[in-house]
Amino acid sequence: MKCSCIKDNEKKIAEIYTERLGVPCDVEAKGVAFTLGAKPGMSPFMPFTVKADKPGFRGSKGKEISMFFSFCPWCGVRIDEEERGAA
């Protein structure tokens, strides 16, 4: 990603919880994938659960799929397809 929002948010949340809890905290963003496109990097995604009466989608867990963002959800900077591995 061209922006540093993921790392910036991890740092901000760690600072807030370190202050609230009175002990050092580590924060790691979930919903972030390491991508191996033309430009390896990180890309945020949002997981979804799909449930249907079909093999692989049945049961209480269903099947998890992910939607990758085209833009940073925090600052709006475009994430290139090359960075997401979609090129």
PDB file of N, CA and C in Angstrom:
ATOM      1  N   MET A   1       0.835  -1.176   0.000  1.00  0.00           N
ATOM      2  CA  MET A   1       0.000   0.000   0.000  1.00  0.00           C
ATOM      3  C   MET A   1       0.879   1.239   0.000  1.00  0.00           C
ATOM      4  N   LYS A   2       0.399   2.252  -0.636  1.00  0.00           N
ATOM      5  CA  LYS A   2       1.143   3.507  -0.705  1.00  0.00           C
ATOM      6  C   LYS A   2       1.082   4.268   0.612  1.00  0.00           C
ATOM      7  N   CYS A   3       0.014   4.039   1.388  1.00  0.00           N
ATOM      8  CA  CYS A   3      -0.131   4.728   2.674  1.00  0.00           C
ATOM      9  C   CYS A   3       0.381   3.830   3.801  1.00  0.00           C
ATOM     10  N   SER A   4       0.451   4.384   4.995  1.00  0.00           N
ATOM     11  CA  SER A   4       0.911   3.614   6.159  1.00  0.00           C
ATOM     12  C   SER A   4      -0.202   3.472   7.200  1.00  0.00           C
ATOM     13  N   CYS A   5      -1.452   3.503   6.749  1.00  0.00           N
ATOM     14  CA  CYS A   5      -2.596   3.497   7.669  1.00  0.00           C
ATOM     15  C   CYS A   5      -2.637   2.269   8.568  1.00  0.00           C
ATOM     16  N   ILE A   6      -2.315   1.108   8.055  1.00  0.00           N
ATOM     17  CA  ILE A   6      -2.380  -0.110   8.864  1.00  0.00           C
ATOM     18  C   ILE A   6      -1.427   0.007  10.044  1.00  0.00           C
ATOM     19  N   LYS A   7      -0.180   0.310   9.772  1.00  0.00           N
ATOM     20  CA  LYS A   7       0.814   0.443  10.849  1.00  0.00           C
ATOM     21  C   LYS A   7       0.488   1.620  11.766  1.00  0.00           C
ATOM     22  N   ASP A   8       0.023   2.716  11.200  1.00  0.00           N
ATOM     23  CA  ASP A   8      -0.340   3.887  12.014  1.00  0.00           C
ATOM     24  C   ASP A   8      -1.476   3.554  12.985  1.00  0.00           C
ATOM     25  N   ASN A   9      -2.505   2.844  12.505  1.00  0.00           N
ATOM     26  CA  ASN A   9      -3.628   2.478  13.366  1.00  0.00           C
ATOM     27  C   ASN A   9      -3.211   1.476  14.435  1.00  0.00           C
ATOM     28  N   GLU A  10      -2.349   0.521  14.084  1.00  0.00           N
ATOM     29  CA  GLU A  10      -1.842  -0.417  15.085  1.00  0.00           C
ATOM     30  C   GLU A  10      -1.130   0.335  16.207  1.00  0.00           C
ATOM     31  N   LYS A  11      -0.308   1.296  15.819  1.00  0.00           N
ATOM     32  CA  LYS A  11       0.449   2.076  16.802  1.00  0.00           C
ATOM     33  C   LYS A  11      -0.487   2.894  17.692  1.00  0.00           C
ATOM     34  N   LYS A  12      -1.480   3.573  17.081  1.00  0.00           N
ATOM     35  CA  LYS A  12      -2.422   4.396  17.846  1.00  0.00           C
ATOM     36  C   LYS A  12      -3.212   3.553  18.847  1.00  0.00           C
ATOM     37  N   ILE A  13      -3.695   2.399  18.397  1.00  0.00           N
ATOM     38  CA  ILE A  13      -4.482   1.526  19.279  1.00  0.00           C
ATOM     39  C   ILE A  13      -3.608   0.985  20.405  1.00  0.00           C
ATOM     40  N   ALA A  14      -2.372   0.636  20.094  1.00  0.00           N
ATOM     41  CA  ALA A  14      -1.446   0.154  21.133  1.00  0.00           C
ATOM     42  C   ALA A  14      -1.202   1.241  22.172  1.00  0.00           C
ATOM     43  N   GLU A  15      -1.032   2.468  21.744  1.00  0.00           N
ATOM     44  CA  GLU A  15      -0.818   3.574  22.682  1.00  0.00           C
ATOM     45  C   GLU A  15      -2.036   3.766  23.591  1.00  0.00           C
ATOM     46  N   ILE A  16      -3.224   3.735  23.011  1.00  0.00           N
ATOM     47  CA  ILE A  16      -4.455   3.930  23.787  1.00  0.00           C
ATOM     48  C   ILE A  16      -4.605   2.822  24.837  1.00  0.00           C
ATOM     49  N   TYR A  17      -4.424   1.573  24.424  1.00  0.00           N
ATOM     50  CA  TYR A  17      -4.607   0.473  25.364  1.00  0.00           C
ATOM     51  C   TYR A  17      -3.461   0.353  26.363  1.00  0.00           C
ATOM     52  N   THR A  18      -2.262   0.762  25.987  1.00  0.00           N
ATOM     53  CA  THR A  18      -1.163   0.789  26.944  1.00  0.00           C
ATOM     54  C   THR A  18      -1.488   1.768  28.061  1.00  0.00           C
ATOM     55  N   GLU A  19      -2.041   2.913  27.690  1.00  0.00           N
ATOM     56  CA  GLU A  19      -2.427   3.920  28.690  1.00  0.00           C
ATOM     57  C   GLU A  19      -3.588   3.408  29.553  1.00  0.00           C
ATOM     58  N   ARG A  20      -4.607   2.841  28.920  1.00  0.00           N
ATOM     59  CA  ARG A  20      -5.787   2.372  29.657  1.00  0.00           C
ATOM     60  C   ARG A  20      -5.471   1.218  30.604  1.00  0.00           C
ATOM     61  N   LEU A  21      -4.627   0.292  30.157  1.00  0.00           N
ATOM     62  CA  LEU A  21      -4.351  -0.907  30.937  1.00  0.00           C
ATOM     63  C   LEU A  21      -3.151  -0.769  31.866  1.00  0.00           C
ATOM     64  N   GLY A  22      -2.307   0.213  31.597  1.00  0.00           N
ATOM     65  CA  GLY A  22      -1.146   0.438  32.440  1.00  0.00           C
ATOM     66  C   GLY A  22      -0.003  -0.535  32.196  1.00  0.00           C
ATOM     67  N   VAL A  23      -0.061  -1.289  31.117  1.00  0.00           N
ATOM     68  CA  VAL A  23       1.020  -2.204  30.733  1.00  0.00           C
ATOM     69  C   VAL A  23       1.229  -2.084  29.222  1.00  0.00           C
ATOM     70  N   PRO A  24       2.439  -2.366  28.735  1.00  0.00           N
ATOM     71  CA  PRO A  24       2.687  -2.282  27.295  1.00  0.00           C
ATOM     72  C   PRO A  24       1.800  -3.254  26.517  1.00  0.00           C
ATOM     73  N   CYS A  25       1.222  -2.782  25.417  1.00  0.00           N
ATOM     74  CA  CYS A  25       0.350  -3.606  24.578  1.00  0.00           C
ATOM     75  C   CYS A  25       0.897  -3.685  23.163  1.00  0.00           C
ATOM     76  N   ASP A  26       0.734  -4.849  22.548  1.00  0.00           N
ATOM     77  CA  ASP A  26       1.042  -5.032  21.138  1.00  0.00           C
ATOM     78  C   ASP A  26      -0.274  -5.168  20.397  1.00  0.00           C
ATOM     79  N   VAL A  27      -0.379  -4.573  19.231  1.00  0.00           N
ATOM     80  CA  VAL A  27      -1.598  -4.633  18.434  1.00  0.00           C
ATOM     81  C   VAL A  27      -1.232  -5.093  17.032  1.00  0.00           C
ATOM     82  N   GLU A  28      -1.999  -6.056  16.523  1.00  0.00           N
ATOM     83  CA  GLU A  28      -1.788  -6.550  15.168  1.00  0.00           C
ATOM     84  C   GLU A  28      -3.122  -6.515  14.434  1.00  0.00           C
ATOM     85  N   ALA A  29      -3.154  -5.836  13.321  1.00  0.00           N
ATOM     86  CA  ALA A  29      -4.381  -5.727  12.530  1.00  0.00           C
ATOM     87  C   ALA A  29      -4.751  -7.085  11.949  1.00  0.00           C
ATOM     88  N   LYS A  30      -6.022  -7.403  12.021  1.00  0.00           N
ATOM     89  CA  LYS A  30      -6.558  -8.585  11.349  1.00  0.00           C
ATOM     90  C   LYS A  30      -7.202  -8.087  10.062  1.00  0.00           C
ATOM     91  N   GLY A  31      -7.447  -8.957   9.141  1.00  0.00           N
ATOM     92  CA  GLY A  31      -8.032  -8.527   7.879  1.00  0.00           C
ATOM     93  C   GLY A  31      -7.023  -7.819   6.993  1.00  0.00           C
ATOM     94  N   VAL A  32      -5.751  -8.233   7.107  1.00  0.00           N
ATOM     95  CA  VAL A  32      -4.682  -7.686   6.274  1.00  0.00           C
ATOM     96  C   VAL A  32      -3.928  -8.865   5.674  1.00  0.00           C
ATOM     97  N   ALA A  33      -3.778  -8.876   4.366  1.00  0.00           N
ATOM     98  CA  ALA A  33      -3.097  -9.972   3.689  1.00  0.00           C
ATOM     99  C   ALA A  33      -1.785  -9.498   3.096  1.00  0.00           C
ATOM    100  N   PHE A  34      -0.790 -10.382   3.123  1.00  0.00           N
ATOM    101  CA  PHE A  34       0.463 -10.141   2.416  1.00  0.00           C
ATOM    102  C   PHE A  34       0.222 -10.577   0.985  1.00  0.00           C
ATOM    103  N   THR A  35       0.386  -9.668   0.039  1.00  0.00           N
ATOM    104  CA  THR A  35       0.091  -9.964  -1.359  1.00  0.00           C
ATOM    105  C   THR A  35       1.374 -10.127  -2.156  1.00  0.00           C
ATOM    106  N   LEU A  36       1.327 -10.994  -3.156  1.00  0.00           N
ATOM    107  CA  LEU A  36       2.503 -11.291  -3.972  1.00  0.00           C
ATOM    108  C   LEU A  36       2.265 -10.942  -5.433  1.00  0.00           C
ATOM    109  N   GLY A  37       1.805  -9.733  -5.692  1.00  0.00           N
ATOM    110  CA  GLY A  37       1.618  -9.273  -7.063  1.00  0.00           C
ATOM    111  C   GLY A  37       2.941  -8.804  -7.636  1.00  0.00           C
ATOM    112  N   ALA A  38       2.878  -7.963  -8.657  1.00  0.00           N
ATOM    113  CA  ALA A  38       4.088  -7.398  -9.251  1.00  0.00           C
ATOM    114  C   ALA A  38       4.880  -6.602  -8.215  1.00  0.00           C
ATOM    115  N   LYS A  39       4.146  -5.998  -7.252  1.00  0.00           N
ATOM    116  CA  LYS A  39       4.754  -5.263  -6.148  1.00  0.00           C
ATOM    117  C   LYS A  39       4.273  -5.903  -4.848  1.00  0.00           C
ATOM    118  N   PRO A  40       5.031  -6.832  -4.256  1.00  0.00           N
ATOM    119  CA  PRO A  40       4.583  -7.440  -2.998  1.00  0.00           C
ATOM    120  C   PRO A  40       4.300  -6.377  -1.938  1.00  0.00           C
ATOM    121  N   GLY A  41       3.279  -6.611  -1.143  1.00  0.00           N
ATOM    122  CA  GLY A  41       2.926  -5.654  -0.110  1.00  0.00           C
ATOM    123  C   GLY A  41       1.802  -6.163   0.761  1.00  0.00           C
ATOM    124  N   MET A  42       1.079  -5.234   1.386  1.00  0.00           N
ATOM    125  CA  MET A  42      -0.036  -5.583   2.251  1.00  0.00           C
ATOM    126  C   MET A  42      -1.307  -4.979   1.686  1.00  0.00           C
ATOM    127  N   SER A  43      -2.425  -5.676   1.887  1.00  0.00           N
ATOM    128  CA  SER A  43      -3.706  -5.174   1.404  1.00  0.00           C
ATOM    129  C   SER A  43      -4.793  -5.514   2.421  1.00  0.00           C
ATOM    130  N   PRO A  44      -5.609  -4.536   2.805  1.00  0.00           N
ATOM    131  CA  PRO A  44      -6.700  -4.817   3.750  1.00  0.00           C
ATOM    132  C   PRO A  44      -7.838  -5.559   3.057  1.00  0.00           C
ATOM    133  N   PHE A  45      -8.504  -6.416   3.836  1.00  0.00           N
ATOM    134  CA  PHE A  45      -9.665  -7.121   3.306  1.00  0.00           C
ATOM    135  C   PHE A  45     -10.713  -7.280   4.397  1.00  0.00           C
ATOM    136  N   MET A  46     -11.934  -7.617   3.989  1.00  0.00           N
ATOM    137  CA  MET A  46     -13.024  -7.856   4.933  1.00  0.00           C
ATOM    138  C   MET A  46     -13.566  -9.255   4.669  1.00  0.00           C
ATOM    139  N   PRO A  47     -13.553 -10.125   5.696  1.00  0.00           N
ATOM    140  CA  PRO A  47     -14.094 -11.466   5.512  1.00  0.00           C
ATOM    141  C   PRO A  47     -15.626 -11.490   5.600  1.00  0.00           C
ATOM    142  N   PHE A  48     -16.230 -12.390   4.837  1.00  0.00           N
ATOM    143  CA  PHE A  48     -17.666 -12.621   4.846  1.00  0.00           C
ATOM    144  C   PHE A  48     -17.906 -14.120   4.979  1.00  0.00           C
ATOM    145  N   THR A  49     -19.021 -14.501   5.560  1.00  0.00           N
ATOM    146  CA  THR A  49     -19.407 -15.902   5.637  1.00  0.00           C
ATOM    147  C   THR A  49     -20.598 -16.127   4.721  1.00  0.00           C
ATOM    148  N   VAL A  50     -20.466 -17.120   3.844  1.00  0.00           N
ATOM    149  CA  VAL A  50     -21.540 -17.473   2.922  1.00  0.00           C
ATOM    150  C   VAL A  50     -22.103 -18.821   3.365  1.00  0.00           C
ATOM    151  N   LYS A  51     -23.414 -18.854   3.593  1.00  0.00           N
ATOM    152  CA  LYS A  51     -24.091 -20.092   3.969  1.00  0.00           C
ATOM    153  C   LYS A  51     -25.143 -20.407   2.911  1.00  0.00           C
ATOM    154  N   ALA A  52     -25.167 -21.676   2.466  1.00  0.00           N
ATOM    155  CA  ALA A  52     -26.136 -22.091   1.460  1.00  0.00           C
ATOM    156  C   ALA A  52     -26.320 -23.596   1.556  1.00  0.00           C
ATOM    157  N   ASP A  53     -27.387 -24.094   0.969  1.00  0.00           N
ATOM    158  CA  ASP A  53     -27.649 -25.527   0.981  1.00  0.00           C
ATOM    159  C   ASP A  53     -26.915 -26.192  -0.179  1.00  0.00           C
ATOM    160  N   LYS A  54     -25.603 -26.119  -0.123  1.00  0.00           N
ATOM    161  CA  LYS A  54     -24.720 -26.713  -1.127  1.00  0.00           C
ATOM    162  C   LYS A  54     -23.490 -27.250  -0.395  1.00  0.00           C
ATOM    163  N   PRO A  55     -22.862 -28.309  -0.905  1.00  0.00           N
ATOM    164  CA  PRO A  55     -21.647 -28.830  -0.264  1.00  0.00           C
ATOM    165  C   PRO A  55     -20.584 -27.735  -0.143  1.00  0.00           C
ATOM    166  N   GLY A  56     -19.951 -27.683   1.016  1.00  0.00           N
ATOM    167  CA  GLY A  56     -18.922 -26.677   1.265  1.00  0.00           C
ATOM    168  C   GLY A  56     -19.455 -25.387   1.862  1.00  0.00           C
ATOM    169  N   PHE A  57     -20.777 -25.193   1.805  1.00  0.00           N
ATOM    170  CA  PHE A  57     -21.401 -23.976   2.324  1.00  0.00           C
ATOM    171  C   PHE A  57     -22.394 -24.282   3.451  1.00  0.00           C
ATOM    172  N   ARG A  58     -22.588 -25.575   3.738  1.00  0.00           N
ATOM    173  CA  ARG A  58     -23.558 -25.981   4.754  1.00  0.00           C
ATOM    174  C   ARG A  58     -22.966 -25.866   6.146  1.00  0.00           C
ATOM    175  N   GLY A  59     -23.835 -25.985   7.121  1.00  0.00           N
ATOM    176  CA  GLY A  59     -23.404 -26.002   8.515  1.00  0.00           C
ATOM    177  C   GLY A  59     -23.368 -24.614   9.109  1.00  0.00           C
ATOM    178  N   SER A  60     -23.047 -24.589  10.388  1.00  0.00           N
ATOM    179  CA  SER A  60     -23.064 -23.317  11.113  1.00  0.00           C
ATOM    180  C   SER A  60     -21.918 -22.392  10.706  1.00  0.00           C
ATOM    181  N   LYS A  61     -20.822 -22.961  10.176  1.00  0.00           N
ATOM    182  CA  LYS A  61     -19.675 -22.124   9.801  1.00  0.00           C
ATOM    183  C   LYS A  61     -19.772 -21.590   8.381  1.00  0.00           C
ATOM    184  N   GLY A  62     -20.466 -22.280   7.513  1.00  0.00           N
ATOM    185  CA  GLY A  62     -20.549 -21.831   6.133  1.00  0.00           C
ATOM    186  C   GLY A  62     -19.167 -21.838   5.483  1.00  0.00           C
ATOM    187  N   LYS A  63     -18.954 -20.955   4.542  1.00  0.00           N
ATOM    188  CA  LYS A  63     -17.662 -20.827   3.860  1.00  0.00           C
ATOM    189  C   LYS A  63     -17.229 -19.375   3.936  1.00  0.00           C
ATOM    190  N   GLU A  64     -15.986 -19.142   4.320  1.00  0.00           N
ATOM    191  CA  GLU A  64     -15.489 -17.770   4.419  1.00  0.00           C
ATOM    192  C   GLU A  64     -14.871 -17.349   3.087  1.00  0.00           C
ATOM    193  N   ILE A  65     -15.273 -16.163   2.631  1.00  0.00           N
ATOM    194  CA  ILE A  65     -14.679 -15.538   1.449  1.00  0.00           C
ATOM    195  C   ILE A  65     -14.199 -14.151   1.878  1.00  0.00           C
ATOM    196  N   SER A  66     -13.341 -13.551   1.096  1.00  0.00           N
ATOM    197  CA  SER A  66     -12.822 -12.227   1.452  1.00  0.00           C
ATOM    198  C   SER A  66     -12.993 -11.250   0.304  1.00  0.00           C
ATOM    199  N   MET A  67     -13.261 -10.000   0.660  1.00  0.00           N
ATOM    200  CA  MET A  67     -13.345  -8.912  -0.307  1.00  0.00           C
ATOM    201  C   MET A  67     -12.147  -7.993  -0.051  1.00  0.00           C
ATOM    202  N   PHE A  68     -11.300  -7.851  -1.037  1.00  0.00           N
ATOM    203  CA  PHE A  68     -10.159  -6.945  -0.925  1.00  0.00           C
ATOM    204  C   PHE A  68     -10.583  -5.561  -1.362  1.00  0.00           C
ATOM    205  N   PHE A  69     -10.031  -4.556  -0.712  1.00  0.00           N
ATOM    206  CA  PHE A  69     -10.386  -3.175  -0.999  1.00  0.00           C
ATOM    207  C   PHE A  69      -9.579  -2.626  -2.175  1.00  0.00           C
ATOM    208  N   SER A  70     -10.195  -1.771  -2.981  1.00  0.00           N
ATOM    209  CA  SER A  70      -9.508  -1.070  -4.067  1.00  0.00           C
ATOM    210  C   SER A  70      -8.898   0.234  -3.567  1.00  0.00           C
ATOM    211  N   PHE A  71      -9.415   0.719  -2.424  1.00  0.00           N
ATOM    212  CA  PHE A  71      -8.934   1.947  -1.818  1.00  0.00           C
ATOM    213  C   PHE A  71      -8.712   1.683  -0.339  1.00  0.00           C
ATOM    214  N   CYS A  72      -7.773   2.384   0.268  1.00  0.00           N
ATOM    215  CA  CYS A  72      -7.552   2.264   1.702  1.00  0.00           C
ATOM    216  C   CYS A  72      -8.834   2.684   2.412  1.00  0.00           C
ATOM    217  N   PRO A  73      -9.368   1.848   3.318  1.00  0.00           N
ATOM    218  CA  PRO A  73     -10.615   2.213   3.986  1.00  0.00           C
ATOM    219  C   PRO A  73     -10.470   3.371   4.978  1.00  0.00           C
ATOM    220  N   TRP A  74      -9.247   3.791   5.291  1.00  0.00           N
ATOM    221  CA  TRP A  74      -9.034   4.879   6.242  1.00  0.00           C
ATOM    222  C   TRP A  74      -8.745   6.201   5.559  1.00  0.00           C
ATOM    223  N   CYS A  75      -7.834   6.212   4.591  1.00  0.00           N
ATOM    224  CA  CYS A  75      -7.459   7.493   3.982  1.00  0.00           C
ATOM    225  C   CYS A  75      -7.943   7.651   2.548  1.00  0.00           C
ATOM    226  N   GLY A  76      -8.400   6.569   1.920  1.00  0.00           N
ATOM    227  CA  GLY A  76      -8.945   6.649   0.573  1.00  0.00           C
ATOM    228  C   GLY A  76      -7.930   6.565  -0.550  1.00  0.00           C
ATOM    229  N   VAL A  77      -6.655   6.333  -0.249  1.00  0.00           N
ATOM    230  CA  VAL A  77      -5.636   6.218  -1.295  1.00  0.00           C
ATOM    231  C   VAL A  77      -5.878   4.926  -2.083  1.00  0.00           C
ATOM    232  N   ARG A  78      -5.813   5.017  -3.396  1.00  0.00           N
ATOM    233  CA  ARG A  78      -6.044   3.859  -4.272  1.00  0.00           C
ATOM    234  C   ARG A  78      -4.965   2.805  -4.049  1.00  0.00           C
ATOM    235  N   ILE A  79      -5.389   1.540  -3.977  1.00  0.00           N
ATOM    236  CA  ILE A  79      -4.466   0.411  -3.884  1.00  0.00           C
ATOM    237  C   ILE A  79      -4.359  -0.163  -5.287  1.00  0.00           C
ATOM    238  N   ASP A  80      -3.175  -0.099  -5.881  1.00  0.00           N
ATOM    239  CA  ASP A  80      -2.978  -0.562  -7.249  1.00  0.00           C
ATOM    240  C   ASP A  80      -3.248  -2.048  -7.369  1.00  0.00           C
ATOM    241  N   GLU A  81      -3.763  -2.481  -8.533  1.00  0.00           N
ATOM    242  CA  GLU A  81      -4.009  -3.900  -8.773  1.00  0.00           C
ATOM    243  C   GLU A  81      -2.726  -4.700  -8.671  1.00  0.00           C
ATOM    244  N   GLU A  82      -1.600  -4.098  -9.065  1.00  0.00           N
ATOM    245  CA  GLU A  82      -0.309  -4.783  -8.973  1.00  0.00           C
ATOM    246  C   GLU A  82       0.041  -5.111  -7.535  1.00  0.00           C
ATOM    247  N   GLU A  83      -0.321  -4.215  -6.609  1.00  0.00           N
ATOM    248  CA  GLU A  83      -0.053  -4.435  -5.199  1.00  0.00           C
ATOM    249  C   GLU A  83      -0.937  -5.530  -4.631  1.00  0.00           C
ATOM    250  N   ARG A  84      -2.154  -5.663  -5.156  1.00  0.00           N
ATOM    251  CA  ARG A  84      -3.099  -6.660  -4.649  1.00  0.00           C
ATOM    252  C   ARG A  84      -2.896  -8.009  -5.311  1.00  0.00           C
ATOM    253  N   GLY A  85      -2.025  -8.090  -6.302  1.00  0.00           N
ATOM    254  CA  GLY A  85      -1.813  -9.358  -6.999  1.00  0.00           C
ATOM    255  C   GLY A  85      -2.865  -9.629  -8.069  1.00  0.00           C
ATOM    256  N   ALA A  86      -3.584  -8.598  -8.472  1.00  0.00           N
ATOM    257  CA  ALA A  86      -4.648  -8.768  -9.458  1.00  0.00           C
ATOM    258  C   ALA A  86      -4.180  -8.438 -10.867  1.00  0.00           C
ATOM    259  N   ALA A  87      -2.911  -8.161 -11.044  1.00  0.00           N
ATOM    260  CA  ALA A  87      -2.422  -7.762 -12.364  1.00  0.00           C
ATOM    261  C   ALA A  87      -2.188  -8.959 -13.247  1.00  0.00           C
TER     262      ALA A  87
END
